[in-house]
Amino acid sequence: MLEDRSVALDQYPLQQLNGIQASHPIYEQRTINAKYRCGNAAQDRLSFEPVERQHQFDDGKMTELANININLNDEIRKSMGVVNVGDVKDFRLNVQILTGFEAPTASSSAVKSAAPA
C-alpha cells in the first residue's frame, strides 16, 4: 500500500449551499417515575442502575434510562438515609425529550454560502 509515503490529492471544489433549510428540534417536558437499584455505595458517592432499562410513556413512546451517579453531601446523605448495594429506590425524573423537528418553511433560516472570490 502507501506505507510511509504521503500522497497529494487534488483540491475538492466547494459547492454552493443555496436553498438548504435547517429544521428546528421540538422538545417536550416529561416526568418519569422509575425504580433504580444501587450498584455501588461509597462514603461520598452512590451509583444506581435502572431496574428496567426501557421506559414506556403513556403515549407508547419509549426511552432508555441512564445510570445515575450521586455525589453525596451532608444534606443529600440525610435525605436519602442509609443506602446499601442492592437496595431499590424510587426516582422521579423530570426530562426533556426530542419529539420531532419543525418542518422547514420558506421563511426559516437558510444556510447561506459566500460567493467565491
PDB file of N, CA and C in Angstrom:
ATOM      1  N   MET A   1       0.831  -1.176   0.000  1.00  0.00           N
ATOM      2  CA  MET A   1       0.000   0.000   0.000  1.00  0.00           C
ATOM      3  C   MET A   1       0.884   1.250   0.000  1.00  0.00           C
ATOM      4  N   LEU A   2       0.519   2.268   0.814  1.00  0.00           N
ATOM      5  CA  LEU A   2       1.269   3.521   0.802  1.00  0.00           C
ATOM      6  C   LEU A   2       2.430   3.507   1.780  1.00  0.00           C
ATOM      7  N   GLU A   3       2.385   2.650   2.752  1.00  0.00           N
ATOM      8  CA  GLU A   3       3.403   2.564   3.795  1.00  0.00           C
ATOM      9  C   GLU A   3       3.639   3.937   4.409  1.00  0.00           C
ATOM     10  N   ASP A   4       4.839   4.484   4.339  1.00  0.00           N
ATOM     11  CA  ASP A   4       5.137   5.774   4.970  1.00  0.00           C
ATOM     12  C   ASP A   4       5.146   6.935   3.979  1.00  0.00           C
ATOM     13  N   ARG A   5       4.676   6.718   2.775  1.00  0.00           N
ATOM     14  CA  ARG A   5       4.681   7.773   1.765  1.00  0.00           C
ATOM     15  C   ARG A   5       3.403   8.596   1.867  1.00  0.00           C
ATOM     16  N   SER A   6       3.507   9.888   1.584  1.00  0.00           N
ATOM     17  CA  SER A   6       2.313  10.734   1.540  1.00  0.00           C
ATOM     18  C   SER A   6       1.897  10.932   0.091  1.00  0.00           C
ATOM     19  N   VAL A   7       0.590  11.169  -0.090  1.00  0.00           N
ATOM     20  CA  VAL A   7       0.045  11.341  -1.427  1.00  0.00           C
ATOM     21  C   VAL A   7      -0.678  12.678  -1.467  1.00  0.00           C
ATOM     22  N   ALA A   8      -0.398  13.488  -2.473  1.00  0.00           N
ATOM     23  CA  ALA A   8      -1.079  14.771  -2.641  1.00  0.00           C
ATOM     24  C   ALA A   8      -2.342  14.549  -3.454  1.00  0.00           C
ATOM     25  N   LEU A   9      -3.472  15.075  -2.945  1.00  0.00           N
ATOM     26  CA  LEU A   9      -4.751  14.946  -3.642  1.00  0.00           C
ATOM     27  C   LEU A   9      -5.134  16.276  -4.253  1.00  0.00           C
ATOM     28  N   ASP A  10      -5.897  16.228  -5.341  1.00  0.00           N
ATOM     29  CA  ASP A  10      -6.416  17.459  -5.937  1.00  0.00           C
ATOM     30  C   ASP A  10      -7.353  18.139  -4.946  1.00  0.00           C
ATOM     31  N   GLN A  11      -7.431  19.463  -5.049  1.00  0.00           N
ATOM     32  CA  GLN A  11      -8.304  20.225  -4.176  1.00  0.00           C
ATOM     33  C   GLN A  11      -9.756  19.921  -4.518  1.00  0.00           C
ATOM     34  N   TYR A  12     -10.581  19.703  -3.491  1.00  0.00           N
ATOM     35  CA  TYR A  12     -12.001  19.426  -3.702  1.00  0.00           C
ATOM     36  C   TYR A  12     -12.723  20.751  -3.891  1.00  0.00           C
ATOM     37  N   PRO A  13     -13.502  20.925  -4.959  1.00  0.00           N
ATOM     38  CA  PRO A  13     -14.175  22.213  -5.194  1.00  0.00           C
ATOM     39  C   PRO A  13     -15.329  22.427  -4.217  1.00  0.00           C
ATOM     40  N   LEU A  14     -15.415  23.639  -3.696  1.00  0.00           N
ATOM     41  CA  LEU A  14     -16.510  23.972  -2.793  1.00  0.00           C
ATOM     42  C   LEU A  14     -17.793  24.116  -3.606  1.00  0.00           C
ATOM     43  N   GLN A  15     -18.898  23.715  -3.006  1.00  0.00           N
ATOM     44  CA  GLN A  15     -20.189  23.774  -3.670  1.00  0.00           C
ATOM     45  C   GLN A  15     -21.074  24.813  -3.012  1.00  0.00           C
ATOM     46  N   GLN A  16     -21.947  25.428  -3.791  1.00  0.00           N
ATOM     47  CA  GLN A  16     -22.923  26.380  -3.269  1.00  0.00           C
ATOM     48  C   GLN A  16     -23.962  25.615  -2.444  1.00  0.00           C
ATOM     49  N   LEU A  17     -24.389  26.201  -1.334  1.00  0.00           N
ATOM     50  CA  LEU A  17     -25.372  25.566  -0.466  1.00  0.00           C
ATOM     51  C   LEU A  17     -26.678  26.351  -0.438  1.00  0.00           C
ATOM     52  N   ASN A  18     -26.988  27.055  -1.497  1.00  0.00           N
ATOM     53  CA  ASN A  18     -28.207  27.849  -1.547  1.00  0.00           C
ATOM     54  C   ASN A  18     -29.439  26.957  -1.430  1.00  0.00           C
ATOM     55  N   GLY A  19     -30.411  27.420  -0.667  1.00  0.00           N
ATOM     56  CA  GLY A  19     -31.688  26.732  -0.580  1.00  0.00           C
ATOM     57  C   GLY A  19     -31.770  25.637   0.464  1.00  0.00           C
ATOM     58  N   ILE A  20     -30.711  25.360   1.176  1.00  0.00           N
ATOM     59  CA  ILE A  20     -30.785  24.360   2.235  1.00  0.00           C
ATOM     60  C   ILE A  20     -31.377  25.030   3.463  1.00  0.00           C
ATOM     61  N   GLN A  21     -32.423  24.422   4.018  1.00  0.00           N
ATOM     62  CA  GLN A  21     -33.084  24.996   5.183  1.00  0.00           C
ATOM     63  C   GLN A  21     -32.901  24.073   6.381  1.00  0.00           C
ATOM     64  N   ALA A  22     -32.675  24.669   7.522  1.00  0.00           N
ATOM     65  CA  ALA A  22     -32.463  23.899   8.740  1.00  0.00           C
ATOM     66  C   ALA A  22     -33.781  23.718   9.482  1.00  0.00           C
ATOM     67  N   SER A  23     -33.999  22.525  10.007  1.00  0.00           N
ATOM     68  CA  SER A  23     -35.168  22.246  10.836  1.00  0.00           C
ATOM     69  C   SER A  23     -34.791  22.493  12.288  1.00  0.00           C
ATOM     70  N   HIS A  24     -35.761  22.911  13.071  1.00  0.00           N
ATOM     71  CA  HIS A  24     -35.531  23.136  14.495  1.00  0.00           C
ATOM     72  C   HIS A  24     -36.134  21.982  15.284  1.00  0.00           C
ATOM     73  N   PRO A  25     -35.401  21.481  16.283  1.00  0.00           N
ATOM     74  CA  PRO A  25     -35.930  20.362  17.072  1.00  0.00           C
ATOM     75  C   PRO A  25     -37.106  20.799  17.946  1.00  0.00           C
ATOM     76  N   ILE A  26     -38.003  19.858  18.218  1.00  0.00           N
ATOM     77  CA  ILE A  26     -39.134  20.082  19.112  1.00  0.00           C
ATOM     78  C   ILE A  26     -38.921  19.208  20.347  1.00  0.00           C
ATOM     79  N   TYR A  27     -38.906  19.841  21.517  1.00  0.00           N
ATOM     80  CA  TYR A  27     -38.711  19.122  22.776  1.00  0.00           C
ATOM     81  C   TYR A  27     -39.974  19.198  23.621  1.00  0.00           C
ATOM     82  N   GLU A  28     -40.180  18.175  24.449  1.00  0.00           N
ATOM     83  CA  GLU A  28     -41.290  18.138  25.404  1.00  0.00           C
ATOM     84  C   GLU A  28     -40.736  17.817  26.775  1.00  0.00           C
ATOM     85  N   GLN A  29     -41.355  18.409  27.793  1.00  0.00           N
ATOM     86  CA  GLN A  29     -41.013  18.077  29.175  1.00  0.00           C
ATOM     87  C   GLN A  29     -41.847  16.865  29.582  1.00  0.00           C
ATOM     88  N   ARG A  30     -41.226  15.880  30.187  1.00  0.00           N
ATOM     89  CA  ARG A  30     -41.923  14.685  30.662  1.00  0.00           C
ATOM     90  C   ARG A  30     -41.432  14.351  32.057  1.00  0.00           C
ATOM     91  N   THR A  31     -42.233  13.603  32.789  1.00  0.00           N
ATOM     92  CA  THR A  31     -41.846  13.103  34.106  1.00  0.00           C
ATOM     93  C   THR A  31     -41.802  11.584  34.037  1.00  0.00           C
ATOM     94  N   ILE A  32     -40.734  11.020  34.558  1.00  0.00           N
ATOM     95  CA  ILE A  32     -40.565   9.573  34.591  1.00  0.00           C
ATOM     96  C   ILE A  32     -40.476   9.144  36.048  1.00  0.00           C
ATOM     97  N   ASN A  33     -41.297   8.188  36.438  1.00  0.00           N
ATOM     98  CA  ASN A  33     -41.183   7.544  37.744  1.00  0.00           C
ATOM     99  C   ASN A  33     -40.582   6.167  37.505  1.00  0.00           C
ATOM    100  N   ALA A  34     -39.401   5.917  38.076  1.00  0.00           N
ATOM    101  CA  ALA A  34     -38.710   4.659  37.807  1.00  0.00           C
ATOM    102  C   ALA A  34     -38.010   4.158  39.058  1.00  0.00           C
ATOM    103  N   LYS A  35     -37.835   2.852  39.106  1.00  0.00           N
ATOM    104  CA  LYS A  35     -37.104   2.212  40.201  1.00  0.00           C
ATOM    105  C   LYS A  35     -35.648   2.031  39.769  1.00  0.00           C
ATOM    106  N   TYR A  36     -34.745   2.358  40.679  1.00  0.00           N
ATOM    107  CA  TYR A  36     -33.311   2.222  40.443  1.00  0.00           C
ATOM    108  C   TYR A  36     -32.692   1.385  41.553  1.00  0.00           C
ATOM    109  N   ARG A  37     -31.761   0.500  41.163  1.00  0.00           N
ATOM    110  CA  ARG A  37     -31.060  -0.353  42.117  1.00  0.00           C
ATOM    111  C   ARG A  37     -29.656   0.193  42.358  1.00  0.00           C
ATOM    112  N   CYS A  38     -29.267   0.247  43.617  1.00  0.00           N
ATOM    113  CA  CYS A  38     -27.928   0.731  43.980  1.00  0.00           C
ATOM    114  C   CYS A  38     -26.898  -0.321  43.572  1.00  0.00           C
ATOM    115  N   GLY A  39     -25.929   0.100  42.756  1.00  0.00           N
ATOM    116  CA  GLY A  39     -24.876  -0.796  42.293  1.00  0.00           C
ATOM    117  C   GLY A  39     -23.559  -0.570  43.009  1.00  0.00           C
ATOM    118  N   ASN A  40     -23.412   0.617  43.605  1.00  0.00           N
ATOM    119  CA  ASN A  40     -22.183   0.950  44.321  1.00  0.00           C
ATOM    120  C   ASN A  40     -22.515   1.979  45.395  1.00  0.00           C
ATOM    121  N   ALA A  41     -22.095   1.708  46.604  1.00  0.00           N
ATOM    122  CA  ALA A  41     -22.337   2.634  47.710  1.00  0.00           C
ATOM    123  C   ALA A  41     -21.016   2.916  48.411  1.00  0.00           C
ATOM    124  N   ALA A  42     -20.561   4.147  48.301  1.00  0.00           N
ATOM    125  CA  ALA A  42     -19.339   4.579  48.972  1.00  0.00           C
ATOM    126  C   ALA A  42     -19.693   5.715  49.932  1.00  0.00           C
ATOM    127  N   GLN A  43     -18.747   6.135  50.730  1.00  0.00           N
ATOM    128  CA  GLN A  43     -18.982   7.193  51.715  1.00  0.00           C
ATOM    129  C   GLN A  43     -19.446   8.498  51.059  1.00  0.00           C
ATOM    130  N   ASP A  44     -18.903   8.809  49.873  1.00  0.00           N
ATOM    131  CA  ASP A  44     -19.201  10.095  49.246  1.00  0.00           C
ATOM    132  C   ASP A  44     -19.933   9.989  47.909  1.00  0.00           C
ATOM    133  N   ARG A  45     -20.334   8.747  47.518  1.00  0.00           N
ATOM    134  CA  ARG A  45     -20.953   8.581  46.195  1.00  0.00           C
ATOM    135  C   ARG A  45     -21.839   7.338  46.156  1.00  0.00           C
ATOM    136  N   LEU A  46     -22.991   7.488  45.484  1.00  0.00           N
ATOM    137  CA  LEU A  46     -23.886   6.362  45.227  1.00  0.00           C
ATOM    138  C   LEU A  46     -24.064   6.221  43.724  1.00  0.00           C
ATOM    139  N   SER A  47     -24.134   4.985  43.239  1.00  0.00           N
ATOM    140  CA  SER A  47     -24.383   4.726  41.825  1.00  0.00           C
ATOM    141  C   SER A  47     -25.620   3.843  41.712  1.00  0.00           C
ATOM    142  N   PHE A  48     -26.524   4.231  40.816  1.00  0.00           N
ATOM    143  CA  PHE A  48     -27.771   3.498  40.623  1.00  0.00           C
ATOM    144  C   PHE A  48     -27.923   3.111  39.159  1.00  0.00           C
ATOM    145  N   GLU A  49     -28.529   1.926  38.938  1.00  0.00           N
ATOM    146  CA  GLU A  49     -28.881   1.455  37.600  1.00  0.00           C
ATOM    147  C   GLU A  49     -30.384   1.240  37.566  1.00  0.00           C
ATOM    148  N   PRO A  50     -31.033   1.554  36.441  1.00  0.00           N
ATOM    149  CA  PRO A  50     -32.486   1.345  36.380  1.00  0.00           C
ATOM    150  C   PRO A  50     -32.828  -0.138  36.482  1.00  0.00           C
ATOM    151  N   VAL A  51     -33.885  -0.455  37.220  1.00  0.00           N
ATOM    152  CA  VAL A  51     -34.346  -1.837  37.313  1.00  0.00           C
ATOM    153  C   VAL A  51     -34.801  -2.300  35.937  1.00  0.00           C
ATOM    154  N   GLU A  52     -35.517  -1.449  35.220  1.00  0.00           N
ATOM    155  CA  GLU A  52     -35.893  -1.708  33.830  1.00  0.00           C
ATOM    156  C   GLU A  52     -35.263  -0.626  32.967  1.00  0.00           C
ATOM    157  N   ARG A  53     -34.403  -1.016  32.035  1.00  0.00           N
ATOM    158  CA  ARG A  53     -33.635  -0.053  31.227  1.00  0.00           C
ATOM    159  C   ARG A  53     -34.545   0.758  30.297  1.00  0.00           C
ATOM    160  N   GLN A  54     -35.584   0.145  29.754  1.00  0.00           N
ATOM    161  CA  GLN A  54     -36.503   0.833  28.848  1.00  0.00           C
ATOM    162  C   GLN A  54     -37.698   1.372  29.636  1.00  0.00           C
ATOM    163  N   HIS A  55     -38.101   2.595  29.324  1.00  0.00           N
ATOM    164  CA  HIS A  55     -39.289   3.186  29.944  1.00  0.00           C
ATOM    165  C   HIS A  55     -40.280   3.547  28.842  1.00  0.00           C
ATOM    166  N   GLN A  56     -41.532   3.126  29.031  1.00  0.00           N
ATOM    167  CA  GLN A  56     -42.568   3.439  28.054  1.00  0.00           C
ATOM    168  C   GLN A  56     -43.479   4.516  28.628  1.00  0.00           C
ATOM    169  N   PHE A  57     -43.663   5.594  27.846  1.00  0.00           N
ATOM    170  CA  PHE A  57     -44.563   6.671  28.234  1.00  0.00           C
ATOM    171  C   PHE A  57     -46.005   6.254  27.953  1.00  0.00           C
ATOM    172  N   ASP A  58     -46.945   7.015  28.493  1.00  0.00           N
ATOM    173  CA  ASP A  58     -48.371   6.712  28.315  1.00  0.00           C
ATOM    174  C   ASP A  58     -48.780   6.673  26.846  1.00  0.00           C
ATOM    175  N   ASP A  59     -48.105   7.474  25.996  1.00  0.00           N
ATOM    176  CA  ASP A  59     -48.466   7.509  24.568  1.00  0.00           C
ATOM    177  C   ASP A  59     -47.787   6.405  23.758  1.00  0.00           C
ATOM    178  N   GLY A  60     -47.080   5.498  24.427  1.00  0.00           N
ATOM    179  CA  GLY A  60     -46.445   4.367  23.754  1.00  0.00           C
ATOM    180  C   GLY A  60     -45.004   4.590  23.348  1.00  0.00           C
ATOM    181  N   LYS A  61     -44.528   5.838  23.391  1.00  0.00           N
ATOM    182  CA  LYS A  61     -43.138   6.107  23.026  1.00  0.00           C
ATOM    183  C   LYS A  61     -42.212   5.537  24.100  1.00  0.00           C
ATOM    184  N   MET A  62     -41.014   5.123  23.651  1.00  0.00           N
ATOM    185  CA  MET A  62     -40.044   4.503  24.548  1.00  0.00           C
ATOM    186  C   MET A  62     -38.803   5.374  24.672  1.00  0.00           C
ATOM    187  N   THR A  63     -38.144   5.258  25.816  1.00  0.00           N
ATOM    188  CA  THR A  63     -36.845   5.893  26.001  1.00  0.00           C
ATOM    189  C   THR A  63     -35.992   4.977  26.860  1.00  0.00           C
ATOM    190  N   GLU A  64     -34.684   5.127  26.732  1.00  0.00           N
ATOM    191  CA  GLU A  64     -33.763   4.336  27.536  1.00  0.00           C
ATOM    192  C   GLU A  64     -33.330   5.154  28.742  1.00  0.00           C
ATOM    193  N   LEU A  65     -33.372   4.530  29.903  1.00  0.00           N
ATOM    194  CA  LEU A  65     -32.975   5.217  31.126  1.00  0.00           C
ATOM    195  C   LEU A  65     -31.475   5.063  31.347  1.00  0.00           C
ATOM    196  N   ALA A  66     -30.864   6.123  31.812  1.00  0.00           N
ATOM    197  CA  ALA A  66     -29.419   6.134  32.048  1.00  0.00           C
ATOM    198  C   ALA A  66     -29.132   5.796  33.516  1.00  0.00           C
ATOM    199  N   ASN A  67     -27.889   5.416  33.783  1.00  0.00           N
ATOM    200  CA  ASN A  67     -27.442   5.231  35.161  1.00  0.00           C
ATOM    201  C   ASN A  67     -27.377   6.591  35.846  1.00  0.00           C
ATOM    202  N   ILE A  68     -27.507   6.582  37.163  1.00  0.00           N
ATOM    203  CA  ILE A  68     -27.446   7.819  37.943  1.00  0.00           C
ATOM    204  C   ILE A  68     -26.314   7.691  38.966  1.00  0.00           C
ATOM    205  N   ASN A  69     -25.434   8.683  38.999  1.00  0.00           N
ATOM    206  CA  ASN A  69     -24.372   8.768  39.999  1.00  0.00           C
ATOM    207  C   ASN A  69     -24.623  10.010  40.838  1.00  0.00           C
ATOM    208  N   ILE A  70     -24.592   9.837  42.153  1.00  0.00           N
ATOM    209  CA  ILE A  70     -24.874  10.946  43.068  1.00  0.00           C
ATOM    210  C   ILE A  70     -23.669  11.166  43.964  1.00  0.00           C
ATOM    211  N   ASN A  71     -23.117  12.384  43.919  1.00  0.00           N
ATOM    212  CA  ASN A  71     -22.074  12.777  44.861  1.00  0.00           C
ATOM    213  C   ASN A  71     -22.772  13.247  46.129  1.00  0.00           C
ATOM    214  N   LEU A  72     -22.453  12.613  47.249  1.00  0.00           N
ATOM    215  CA  LEU A  72     -23.149  12.880  48.495  1.00  0.00           C
ATOM    216  C   LEU A  72     -22.542  14.035  49.270  1.00  0.00           C
ATOM    217  N   ASN A  73     -23.405  14.911  49.753  1.00  0.00           N
ATOM    218  CA  ASN A  73     -23.021  15.886  50.764  1.00  0.00           C
ATOM    219  C   ASN A  73     -23.897  15.583  51.980  1.00  0.00           C
ATOM    220  N   ASP A  74     -23.752  16.318  53.062  1.00  0.00           N
ATOM    221  CA  ASP A  74     -24.496  16.021  54.291  1.00  0.00           C
ATOM    222  C   ASP A  74     -26.003  16.065  54.081  1.00  0.00           C
ATOM    223  N   GLU A  75     -26.478  17.065  53.320  1.00  0.00           N
ATOM    224  CA  GLU A  75     -27.917  17.221  53.097  1.00  0.00           C
ATOM    225  C   GLU A  75     -28.492  16.045  52.306  1.00  0.00           C
ATOM    226  N   ILE A  76     -27.823  15.664  51.226  1.00  0.00           N
ATOM    227  CA  ILE A  76     -28.305  14.550  50.399  1.00  0.00           C
ATOM    228  C   ILE A  76     -28.218  13.235  51.174  1.00  0.00           C
ATOM    229  N   ARG A  77     -27.129  13.026  51.888  1.00  0.00           N
ATOM    230  CA  ARG A  77     -26.944  11.806  52.674  1.00  0.00           C
ATOM    231  C   ARG A  77     -28.071  11.667  53.697  1.00  0.00           C
ATOM    232  N   LYS A  78     -28.444  12.785  54.333  1.00  0.00           N
ATOM    233  CA  LYS A  78     -29.506  12.780  55.341  1.00  0.00           C
ATOM    234  C   LYS A  78     -30.860  12.482  54.696  1.00  0.00           C
ATOM    235  N   SER A  79     -31.149  13.102  53.544  1.00  0.00           N
ATOM    236  CA  SER A  79     -32.457  12.906  52.905  1.00  0.00           C
ATOM    237  C   SER A  79     -32.614  11.506  52.308  1.00  0.00           C
ATOM    238  N   MET A  80     -31.528  10.874  51.864  1.00  0.00           N
ATOM    239  CA  MET A  80     -31.618   9.535  51.270  1.00  0.00           C
ATOM    240  C   MET A  80     -31.580   8.438  52.320  1.00  0.00           C
ATOM    241  N   GLY A  81     -31.011   8.737  53.483  1.00  0.00           N
ATOM    242  CA  GLY A  81     -30.882   7.705  54.504  1.00  0.00           C
ATOM    243  C   GLY A  81     -29.784   6.715  54.135  1.00  0.00           C
ATOM    244  N   VAL A  82     -29.774   5.605  54.844  1.00  0.00           N
ATOM    245  CA  VAL A  82     -28.765   4.579  54.594  1.00  0.00           C
ATOM    246  C   VAL A  82     -29.143   3.829  53.320  1.00  0.00           C
ATOM    247  N   VAL A  83     -28.183   3.737  52.399  1.00  0.00           N
ATOM    248  CA  VAL A  83     -28.393   3.014  51.142  1.00  0.00           C
ATOM    249  C   VAL A  83     -27.283   1.983  51.005  1.00  0.00           C
ATOM    250  N   ASN A  84     -27.693   0.732  50.792  1.00  0.00           N
ATOM    251  CA  ASN A  84     -26.736  -0.357  50.617  1.00  0.00           C
ATOM    252  C   ASN A  84     -26.803  -0.881  49.191  1.00  0.00           C
ATOM    253  N   VAL A  85     -25.743  -1.549  48.752  1.00  0.00           N
ATOM    254  CA  VAL A  85     -25.721  -2.160  47.423  1.00  0.00           C
ATOM    255  C   VAL A  85     -26.885  -3.142  47.330  1.00  0.00           C
ATOM    256  N   GLY A  86     -27.644  -3.039  46.239  1.00  0.00           N
ATOM    257  CA  GLY A  86     -28.797  -3.907  46.033  1.00  0.00           C
ATOM    258  C   GLY A  86     -30.120  -3.277  46.421  1.00  0.00           C
ATOM    259  N   ASP A  87     -30.087  -2.197  47.211  1.00  0.00           N
ATOM    260  CA  ASP A  87     -31.323  -1.508  47.587  1.00  0.00           C
ATOM    261  C   ASP A  87     -31.976  -0.896  46.355  1.00  0.00           C
ATOM    262  N   VAL A  88     -33.316  -0.897  46.334  1.00  0.00           N
ATOM    263  CA  VAL A  88     -34.070  -0.305  45.234  1.00  0.00           C
ATOM    264  C   VAL A  88     -34.741   0.964  45.745  1.00  0.00           C
ATOM    265  N   LYS A  89     -34.552   2.049  45.007  1.00  0.00           N
ATOM    266  CA  LYS A  89     -35.138   3.353  45.356  1.00  0.00           C
ATOM    267  C   LYS A  89     -35.999   3.840  44.201  1.00  0.00           C
ATOM    268  N   ASP A  90     -37.057   4.572  44.543  1.00  0.00           N
ATOM    269  CA  ASP A  90     -37.902   5.211  43.531  1.00  0.00           C
ATOM    270  C   ASP A  90     -37.336   6.584  43.210  1.00  0.00           C
ATOM    271  N   PHE A  91     -37.223   6.890  41.912  1.00  0.00           N
ATOM    272  CA  PHE A  91     -36.761   8.199  41.464  1.00  0.00           C
ATOM    273  C   PHE A  91     -37.837   8.817  40.584  1.00  0.00           C
ATOM    274  N   ARG A  92     -38.008  10.116  40.723  1.00  0.00           N
ATOM    275  CA  ARG A  92     -38.894  10.887  39.845  1.00  0.00           C
ATOM    276  C   ARG A  92     -37.981  11.793  39.035  1.00  0.00           C
ATOM    277  N   LEU A  93     -37.949  11.584  37.715  1.00  0.00           N
ATOM    278  CA  LEU A  93     -37.041  12.311  36.838  1.00  0.00           C
ATOM    279  C   LEU A  93     -37.833  13.267  35.958  1.00  0.00           C
ATOM    280  N   ASN A  94     -37.451  14.524  35.943  1.00  0.00           N
ATOM    281  CA  ASN A  94     -38.008  15.498  35.011  1.00  0.00           C
ATOM    282  C   ASN A  94     -37.053  15.562  33.836  1.00  0.00           C
ATOM    283  N   VAL A  95     -37.533  15.166  32.662  1.00  0.00           N
ATOM    284  CA  VAL A  95     -36.664  15.049  31.494  1.00  0.00           C
ATOM    285  C   VAL A  95     -37.212  15.862  30.336  1.00  0.00           C
ATOM    286  N   GLN A  96     -36.320  16.183  29.424  1.00  0.00           N
ATOM    287  CA  GLN A  96     -36.683  16.870  28.190  1.00  0.00           C
ATOM    288  C   GLN A  96     -36.373  15.889  27.062  1.00  0.00           C
ATOM    289  N   ILE A  97     -37.400  15.537  26.266  1.00  0.00           N
ATOM    290  CA  ILE A  97     -37.190  14.562  25.209  1.00  0.00           C
ATOM    291  C   ILE A  97     -37.419  15.192  23.839  1.00  0.00           C
ATOM    292  N   LEU A  98     -36.675  14.706  22.871  1.00  0.00           N
ATOM    293  CA  LEU A  98     -36.826  15.147  21.486  1.00  0.00           C
ATOM    294  C   LEU A  98     -38.012  14.404  20.895  1.00  0.00           C
ATOM    295  N   THR A  99     -39.020  15.158  20.422  1.00  0.00           N
ATOM    296  CA  THR A  99     -40.222  14.527  19.869  1.00  0.00           C
ATOM    297  C   THR A  99     -40.309  14.662  18.357  1.00  0.00           C
ATOM    298  N   GLY A 100     -39.470  15.487  17.757  1.00  0.00           N
ATOM    299  CA  GLY A 100     -39.502  15.644  16.306  1.00  0.00           C
ATOM    300  C   GLY A 100     -38.809  16.919  15.875  1.00  0.00           C
ATOM    301  N   PHE A 101     -39.069  17.309  14.632  1.00  0.00           N
ATOM    302  CA  PHE A 101     -38.473  18.513  14.070  1.00  0.00           C
ATOM    303  C   PHE A 101     -39.550  19.319  13.366  1.00  0.00           C
ATOM    304  N   GLU A 102     -39.436  20.647  13.464  1.00  0.00           N
ATOM    305  CA  GLU A 102     -40.347  21.519  12.731  1.00  0.00           C
ATOM    306  C   GLU A 102     -40.068  21.367  11.240  1.00  0.00           C
ATOM    307  N   ALA A 103     -41.120  21.375  10.466  1.00  0.00           N
ATOM    308  CA  ALA A 103     -40.941  21.319   9.012  1.00  0.00           C
ATOM    309  C   ALA A 103     -40.350  22.644   8.549  1.00  0.00           C
ATOM    310  N   PRO A 104     -39.328  22.630   7.700  1.00  0.00           N
ATOM    311  CA  PRO A 104     -38.753  23.882   7.199  1.00  0.00           C
ATOM    312  C   PRO A 104     -39.785  24.656   6.374  1.00  0.00           C
ATOM    313  N   THR A 105     -39.758  25.955   6.526  1.00  0.00           N
ATOM    314  CA  THR A 105     -40.640  26.814   5.719  1.00  0.00           C
ATOM    315  C   THR A 105     -39.784  27.767   4.910  1.00  0.00           C
ATOM    316  N   ALA A 106     -40.397  28.457   3.985  1.00  0.00           N
ATOM    317  CA  ALA A 106     -39.655  29.388   3.139  1.00  0.00           C
ATOM    318  C   ALA A 106     -39.046  30.517   3.961  1.00  0.00           C
ATOM    319  N   SER A 107     -39.661  30.832   5.100  1.00  0.00           N
ATOM    320  CA  SER A 107     -39.149  31.948   5.908  1.00  0.00           C
ATOM    321  C   SER A 107     -38.116  31.495   6.942  1.00  0.00           C
ATOM    322  N   SER A 108     -37.915  30.175   7.105  1.00  0.00           N
ATOM    323  CA  SER A 108     -36.924  29.738   8.095  1.00  0.00           C
ATOM    324  C   SER A 108     -35.517  30.022   7.595  1.00  0.00           C
ATOM    325  N   SER A 109     -34.588  30.041   8.512  1.00  0.00           N
ATOM    326  CA  SER A 109     -33.219  30.434   8.164  1.00  0.00           C
ATOM    327  C   SER A 109     -32.589  29.416   7.234  1.00  0.00           C
ATOM    328  N   ALA A 110     -32.145  29.864   6.124  1.00  0.00           N
ATOM    329  CA  ALA A 110     -31.454  29.006   5.152  1.00  0.00           C
ATOM    330  C   ALA A 110     -29.958  29.146   5.342  1.00  0.00           C
ATOM    331  N   VAL A 111     -29.247  28.076   5.063  1.00  0.00           N
ATOM    332  CA  VAL A 111     -27.794  28.112   5.129  1.00  0.00           C
ATOM    333  C   VAL A 111     -27.319  28.891   3.925  1.00  0.00           C
ATOM    334  N   LYS A 112     -26.579  29.956   4.164  1.00  0.00           N
ATOM    335  CA  LYS A 112     -26.092  30.794   3.056  1.00  0.00           C
ATOM    336  C   LYS A 112     -24.592  30.593   2.894  1.00  0.00           C
ATOM    337  N   SER A 113     -24.155  30.611   1.684  1.00  0.00           N
ATOM    338  CA  SER A 113     -22.726  30.479   1.441  1.00  0.00           C
ATOM    339  C   SER A 113     -22.211  31.757   0.786  1.00  0.00           C
ATOM    340  N   ALA A 114     -20.976  32.035   1.037  1.00  0.00           N
ATOM    341  CA  ALA A 114     -20.371  33.227   0.440  1.00  0.00           C
ATOM    342  C   ALA A 114     -20.002  32.940  -1.014  1.00  0.00           C
ATOM    343  N   ALA A 115     -20.123  33.928  -1.840  1.00  0.00           N
ATOM    344  CA  ALA A 115     -19.756  33.761  -3.249  1.00  0.00           C
ATOM    345  C   ALA A 115     -18.251  33.655  -3.359  1.00  0.00           C
ATOM    346  N   PRO A 116     -17.747  32.781  -4.240  1.00  0.00           N
ATOM    347  CA  PRO A 116     -16.298  32.636  -4.389  1.00  0.00           C
ATOM    348  C   PRO A 116     -15.664  33.934  -4.892  1.00  0.00           C
ATOM    349  N   ALA A 117     -14.467  34.182  -4.412  1.00  0.00           N
ATOM    350  CA  ALA A 117     -13.764  35.425  -4.792  1.00  0.00           C
ATOM    351  C   ALA A 117     -13.111  35.288  -6.137  1.00  0.00           C
TER     352      ALA A 117
END
